[in-house]
């Protein structure tokens, strides 16, 4: 299927255009660009980098930041899962 913007984005785009026909894709991309370029993201981006690429991937830092995978099943608990 074709990629679509979420329903809330279509509604917000129409609302932003005063009920007119503003392109939801343009609105959606502009909205997220504004968020990504915000002062809040700039101030906290290093935390995200640490969680995904840095010191918080393993060990005590990962545990303290709740950045550890959950064991949802073990080998033998699910038929066909043997490792």
Protein backbone atom coordinates (compact mmCIF):
# COMPACT_ATOMS: atom_id res chain seq x y z
CA UNK A 1 0.00 0.00 0.00
CA UNK A 2 0.84 3.61 -0.31
CA UNK A 3 2.40 5.50 2.54
CA UNK A 4 -0.03 7.90 4.25
CA UNK A 5 0.25 10.51 6.94
CA UNK A 6 -1.59 9.70 10.18
CA UNK A 7 -5.20 10.84 10.43
CA UNK A 8 -4.29 13.39 13.10
CA UNK A 9 -1.88 15.03 10.64
CA UNK A 10 -4.58 15.37 8.00
CA UNK A 11 -6.90 16.98 10.55
CA UNK A 12 -4.17 19.29 11.85
CA UNK A 13 -3.18 20.35 8.32
CA UNK A 14 -6.77 21.26 7.50
CA UNK A 15 -7.10 23.12 10.80
CA UNK A 16 -3.82 25.02 10.21
CA UNK A 17 -5.08 26.07 6.81
CA UNK A 18 -8.29 27.42 8.32
CA UNK A 19 -10.31 24.54 6.92
CA UNK A 20 -8.63 24.87 3.52
CA UNK A 21 -6.73 22.26 1.61
CA UNK A 22 -3.18 22.48 2.97
CA UNK A 23 -1.11 19.48 1.84
CA UNK A 24 -0.90 17.12 4.86
CA UNK A 25 2.57 15.89 3.81
CA UNK A 26 3.95 19.41 3.73
CA UNK A 27 2.42 20.17 7.13
CA UNK A 28 3.61 16.84 8.63
CA UNK A 29 7.21 17.33 7.47
CA UNK A 30 7.30 20.98 8.53
CA UNK A 31 5.86 20.08 11.95
CA UNK A 32 8.49 17.40 12.60
CA UNK A 33 11.30 19.56 11.27
CA UNK A 34 10.27 22.29 13.68
CA UNK A 35 10.30 19.80 16.54
CA UNK A 36 13.70 18.36 15.59
CA UNK A 37 15.21 21.84 15.35
CA UNK A 38 13.76 22.96 18.70
CA UNK A 39 15.82 24.06 21.69
CA UNK A 40 14.47 21.12 23.72
CA UNK A 41 15.75 18.56 21.24
CA UNK A 42 19.07 20.37 20.94
CA UNK A 43 19.44 20.36 24.72
CA UNK A 44 18.69 16.63 25.04
CA UNK A 45 20.04 15.08 21.85
CA UNK A 46 23.16 13.82 23.61
CA UNK A 47 20.96 11.60 25.84
CA UNK A 48 19.41 9.95 22.78
CA UNK A 49 22.85 9.45 21.23
CA UNK A 50 24.11 7.80 24.44
CA UNK A 51 21.08 5.48 24.55
CA UNK A 52 21.42 4.38 20.94
CA UNK A 53 25.13 4.54 20.20
CA UNK A 54 27.09 5.30 23.34
CA UNK A 55 27.74 4.61 26.98
CA UNK A 56 24.17 3.58 27.82
CA UNK A 57 24.09 0.53 25.57
CA UNK A 58 25.35 -1.95 28.15
CA UNK A 59 26.32 -2.40 31.75
CA UNK A 60 25.38 -0.19 34.68
CA UNK A 61 24.63 2.84 32.50
CA UNK A 62 22.14 0.82 30.45
CA UNK A 63 20.45 -0.51 33.59
CA UNK A 64 20.28 2.95 35.20
CA UNK A 65 18.67 4.33 32.01
CA UNK A 66 16.31 1.35 31.60
CA UNK A 67 17.90 0.70 28.21
CA UNK A 68 18.01 -3.09 28.40
CA UNK A 69 16.00 -5.60 26.36
CA UNK A 70 13.27 -7.47 28.18
CA UNK A 71 13.32 -11.24 28.17
CA UNK A 72 9.84 -12.03 26.96
CA UNK A 73 10.57 -15.70 26.43
CA UNK A 74 13.36 -18.19 26.90
CA UNK A 75 14.55 -21.00 24.72
CA UNK A 76 12.23 -23.94 25.26
CA UNK A 77 9.24 -21.76 26.25
CA UNK A 78 8.14 -21.27 22.66
CA UNK A 79 7.83 -24.19 20.25
CA UNK A 80 10.43 -23.89 17.51
CA UNK A 81 12.56 -21.40 19.46
CA UNK A 82 15.67 -23.32 20.38
CA UNK A 83 18.24 -20.55 20.91
